[in-house]
Amino acid sequence: KTEEMANKAADAVRQKNIRIVPNRFEKEWFYWLDNIEHWCVSRQLWWGHRIPAWYDADGNIFVARNEAQAKIKAAQFYGKTKNDHDAIVLRQDDDVLDTWFSSGLWPFATLGWPDDDQPDF
């Protein structure tokens, strides 16, 4: 649910912790946040940036950049060593991120993300 987050964002502007520039857009800001609707993370698209969450057989969720890192997290969760993580079976979430979220990743992807050594990143 998004109501708590929306209230915090609206309060931040009302309390002048955040400024909307130009300020004529404050009305629009408050309209959206004061009339917030639930927003689904996935629109059930068949393409896009897959959600970086992996599940084990018990339903535990491991969020990581890739499956190898998720397996290391799962090994730590189960008290195994990093060398034992190959035996862990995980399944990546089938959903993809919302189109709006994915479009926000475009500038990063075109500048070499996730390779931090890229000069433009």
Foldseek 3Di string as FASTA:
>chain_A
DCLVVLVVVLVCVVVPVDADPPNVCNVVSCVDSVPDDDDDFFPQDQDFAFQQWKAFPVGDIFGDPDPLVSLCVVCVVVVHHSVPSVPTDIDGDNTHGDPVVRVVCVVVVVQPPPPPVRPSD
